[in-house]
Protein backbone atom coordinates (compact mmCIF):
# COMPACT_ATOMS: atom_id res chain seq x y z
CA MET A 1 19.12 1.73 -9.70
CA ILE A 2 16.99 4.50 -11.23
CA VAL A 3 15.92 2.37 -14.20
CA THR A 4 15.07 -0.52 -11.89
CA LEU A 5 12.98 1.80 -9.74
CA ILE A 6 11.13 3.12 -12.81
CA ILE A 7 10.23 -0.44 -13.76
CA ILE A 8 9.13 -1.18 -10.20
CA CYS A 9 6.96 1.96 -10.20
CA GLU A 10 5.31 0.96 -13.47
CA VAL A 11 4.58 -2.57 -12.27
CA ALA A 12 3.35 -1.25 -8.92
CA PHE A 13 1.04 1.20 -10.72
CA TRP A 14 -0.83 -1.64 -12.43
CA VAL A 15 -0.78 -3.86 -9.34
CA LEU A 16 -2.29 -1.09 -7.20
CA LEU A 17 -4.81 -0.31 -9.92
CA ALA A 18 -5.94 -3.93 -10.16
CA ALA A 19 -6.04 -4.29 -6.37
CA GLY A 20 -7.99 -1.07 -5.87
CA LEU A 21 -10.60 -1.95 -8.50
CA ALA A 22 -10.92 -5.52 -7.20
CA LEU A 23 -11.54 -4.23 -3.69
CA ARG A 24 -14.05 -1.69 -4.95
CA TYR A 25 -16.15 -3.95 -7.17
CA LEU A 26 -15.42 -7.58 -6.28
CA ALA A 27 -14.92 -7.33 -2.52
CA ARG A 28 -17.54 -4.56 -2.18
CA MET A 29 -15.11 -2.38 -0.23
CA PRO A 30 -15.26 0.93 -2.08
CA ARG A 31 -13.52 2.99 0.61
CA THR A 32 -10.62 0.56 0.89
CA GLY A 33 -10.36 0.37 -2.89
CA ALA A 34 -10.30 4.16 -3.13
CA ALA A 35 -7.59 4.30 -0.47
CA VAL A 36 -5.45 1.87 -2.48
CA LEU A 37 -5.93 3.92 -5.64
CA LEU A 38 -4.91 7.07 -3.78
CA CYS A 39 -1.53 5.43 -3.13
CA GLU A 40 -0.70 5.69 -6.83
CA PRO A 41 0.80 9.22 -6.62
CA LEU A 42 3.15 8.05 -3.87
CA LEU A 43 5.05 6.04 -6.49
CA GLU A 44 6.04 9.22 -8.33
CA VAL A 45 6.97 10.90 -5.05
CA VAL A 46 9.27 8.00 -4.17
CA LEU A 47 10.89 8.06 -7.61
CA LEU A 48 11.41 11.83 -7.37
CA ILE A 49 13.00 11.57 -3.92
CA VAL A 50 15.30 8.71 -4.93
CA THR A 51 16.40 10.58 -8.06
CA ALA A 52 17.17 13.72 -6.03
CA VAL A 53 19.08 11.70 -3.42
CA ASP A 54 21.06 10.00 -6.18
CA LEU A 55 22.10 13.36 -7.61
CA ARG A 56 22.85 14.72 -4.16
CA ALA A 57 25.11 11.72 -3.49
CA GLY A 58 27.29 12.84 -6.39
CA ALA A 59 25.96 10.71 -9.24
CA GLU A 60 26.69 12.22 -12.63
CA PRO A 61 23.44 13.25 -14.37
CA ASP A 62 22.74 11.02 -17.34
CA TRP A 63 19.87 9.60 -19.40
CA LYS A 64 18.49 7.63 -16.43
CA HIS A 65 17.76 10.78 -14.44
CA GLY A 66 16.17 12.32 -17.53
CA LEU A 67 14.03 9.24 -18.03
CA ALA A 68 12.85 9.46 -14.42
CA ALA A 69 11.72 13.07 -14.97
CA VAL A 70 9.86 12.09 -18.14
CA TYR A 71 8.20 9.14 -16.43
CA ILE A 72 7.01 11.32 -13.57
CA GLY A 73 5.72 14.04 -15.91
CA PHE A 74 3.67 11.73 -18.10
CA THR A 75 2.37 9.68 -15.17
CA VAL A 76 1.05 12.87 -13.58
CA THR A 77 -0.92 13.81 -16.72
CA HIS A 78 -1.95 10.34 -17.88
CA GLY A 79 -2.33 8.44 -14.59
CA HIS A 80 -5.86 9.64 -13.77
CA TYR A 81 -6.93 9.07 -17.37
CA MET A 82 -5.74 5.45 -17.22
CA ILE A 83 -7.41 4.88 -13.85
CA THR A 84 -10.72 6.27 -15.15
CA TRP A 85 -10.46 4.09 -18.28
CA ALA A 86 -9.75 0.95 -16.26
CA ASP A 87 -12.48 1.80 -13.73
CA GLY A 88 -15.09 2.08 -16.50
CA HIS A 89 -14.14 -1.28 -18.00
CA PHE A 90 -13.97 -2.98 -14.60
CA LEU A 91 -17.37 -1.58 -13.62
CA HIS A 92 -18.93 -2.86 -16.83
CA ARG A 93 -17.24 -6.26 -16.73
CA PHE A 94 -17.68 -7.17 -13.07
CA ALA A 95 -20.36 -4.91 -11.59
CA GLY A 96 -23.00 -4.66 -14.29
CA GLY A 97 -22.23 -1.06 -15.14
CA PRO A 98 -22.90 0.57 -18.52
CA PRO A 99 -20.51 -0.13 -21.39
CA PRO A 100 -17.55 2.28 -21.42
CA VAL A 101 -17.87 5.15 -23.82
CA LYS A 102 -15.71 4.46 -26.84
CA ARG A 103 -13.46 7.17 -28.15
CA PRO A 104 -14.93 8.93 -31.19
CA ARG A 105 -13.45 7.77 -34.47
CA TYR A 106 -14.59 10.32 -37.01
CA GLY A 107 -15.21 14.00 -37.63
CA MET A 108 -14.83 16.82 -35.16
CA PRO A 109 -15.55 14.63 -32.10
CA ARG A 110 -12.35 12.74 -32.97
CA ALA A 111 -10.50 16.04 -33.36
CA VAL A 112 -11.67 17.16 -29.92
CA HIS A 113 -10.49 13.85 -28.46
CA GLU A 114 -7.09 14.27 -30.07
CA TRP A 115 -6.75 17.81 -28.66
CA LYS A 116 -7.51 16.47 -25.19
CA MET A 117 -4.81 13.82 -25.59
CA THR A 118 -2.45 16.49 -26.90
CA ALA A 119 -3.11 18.61 -23.82
CA ARG A 120 -2.08 15.65 -21.67
CA ALA A 121 1.04 15.04 -23.73
CA VAL A 122 2.09 18.68 -23.70
CA GLY A 123 1.36 18.87 -19.97
CA GLY A 124 3.46 15.79 -19.29
CA ALA A 125 6.30 17.18 -21.41
CA ALA A 126 6.10 20.53 -19.59
CA ILE A 127 6.26 18.89 -16.14
CA ALA A 128 9.21 16.79 -17.27
CA ALA A 129 10.97 19.87 -18.66
CA VAL A 130 10.49 21.71 -15.37
CA LEU A 131 11.85 18.79 -13.35
CA LEU A 132 14.80 18.56 -15.72
CA GLN A 133 15.49 22.28 -15.33
CA LEU A 134 15.38 21.97 -11.56
CA ALA A 135 17.92 19.14 -11.80
CA ILE A 136 20.12 21.28 -14.06
CA TRP A 137 20.05 24.15 -11.57
CA TYR A 138 20.69 21.72 -8.72
CA VAL A 139 23.77 20.21 -10.37
CA GLY A 140 25.00 23.62 -11.53
CA ASP A 141 27.70 22.25 -13.80
CA ALA A 142 26.87 22.88 -17.47
CA GLY A 143 29.32 20.22 -18.51
CA GLN A 144 27.48 17.53 -16.57
CA THR A 145 23.93 18.42 -17.55
CA GLU A 146 24.10 17.97 -21.31
CA SER A 147 22.07 14.75 -21.19
CA LEU A 148 19.35 16.51 -19.20
CA ARG A 149 19.17 19.32 -21.75
CA MET A 150 18.85 16.71 -24.49
CA TRP A 151 15.79 15.32 -22.70
CA GLN A 152 14.32 18.84 -22.59
CA GLN A 153 14.74 19.11 -26.35
CA LYS A 154 13.00 15.79 -26.80
CA MET A 155 10.09 17.03 -24.71
CA GLY A 156 9.81 20.03 -26.98
CA LEU A 157 9.74 17.69 -29.98
CA VAL A 158 7.05 15.53 -28.35
CA SER A 159 4.92 18.62 -27.80
CA VAL A 160 5.27 19.80 -31.39
CA ILE A 161 4.43 16.37 -32.83
CA SER A 162 1.40 16.05 -30.55
CA VAL A 163 0.06 19.43 -31.63
CA LEU A 164 0.60 18.60 -35.31
CA ILE A 165 -1.31 15.32 -34.94
CA ALA A 166 -4.27 17.05 -33.30
CA LEU A 167 -4.14 19.83 -35.89
CA SER A 168 -4.24 17.29 -38.72
CA TYR A 169 -7.49 15.83 -37.33
CA THR A 170 -8.93 19.35 -37.17
CA VAL A 171 -7.94 20.47 -40.65
CA TRP A 172 -8.58 17.09 -42.28
CA PRO A 173 -11.27 15.40 -40.15
CA LYS A 174 -11.37 11.65 -40.47
CA ARG A 175 -14.50 10.63 -42.33
CA LYS A 176 -16.57 7.52 -42.02
CA PRO A 177 -16.02 4.94 -44.76
CA ALA A 178 -18.63 5.25 -47.48
CA LYS A 179 -20.07 1.78 -46.84
CA ALA A 180 -20.50 2.44 -43.11
CA ALA A 181 -22.21 5.78 -43.79
CA GLU A 182 -24.55 4.20 -46.37
CA GLY A 183 -25.39 1.38 -43.95
CA GLU A 184 -26.36 3.85 -41.22
CA GLU A 185 -28.41 5.89 -43.69
CA GLY A 186 -30.21 2.74 -44.82
CA ASP A 187 -31.01 1.83 -41.24
CA ARG A 188 -32.56 5.22 -40.69
CA THR A 189 -34.65 5.29 -43.88
CA ALA A 190 -35.74 1.64 -44.23
CA PRO A 191 -39.48 1.19 -43.54
CA SER A 192 -40.31 -0.93 -40.56
CA ALA A 193 -41.93 -4.27 -41.27
CA SER A 194 -45.41 -4.81 -39.86
CA PRO A 195 -48.05 -7.52 -40.03
CA GLY A 196 -50.27 -6.99 -42.98
CA GLY A 197 -47.76 -4.81 -44.64
CA ARG A 198 -48.41 -6.44 -48.02
CA ARG A 199 -51.19 -5.09 -50.14
């Protein structure tokens, strides 16, 4: 049941996102669209309640309950980011808005972007770890919570890997390919053509 509910929550997230943006930009109903988008957090609340009820009913904690905690944690930290990304693309595509800002690809701007993504990943892992710990305390039986502790260890590993990735972009910034850099330099230095330019 928990896995099925996670899938339902994920599908509902994108359905609500599409519906909210369509109401905002296509139907010209910004308030209604915003109200639909504000329903997104309710999905995580429902999943949290159902997971707690399942444990309270005597279900043995296993990987499904751990997965629910992880899903909630990462949805909390990445949900708004995804909504903002989709909103920018929808605004540009259907409402004549400016093109979405592309993520930086090179140099320190890319490193800063990676640190921001790392902050989201670490935040999601931390929220998941807290929810897992609450479940461990709630169950109270160390013999039944091994799978939950395993999920906590995985969250620690996710955090370490995320930090290492961001650190690699800081220590070894990704550079533009030589041809691309030369092309941009040529565009800046090439003289502009003008009538009568020949002598």
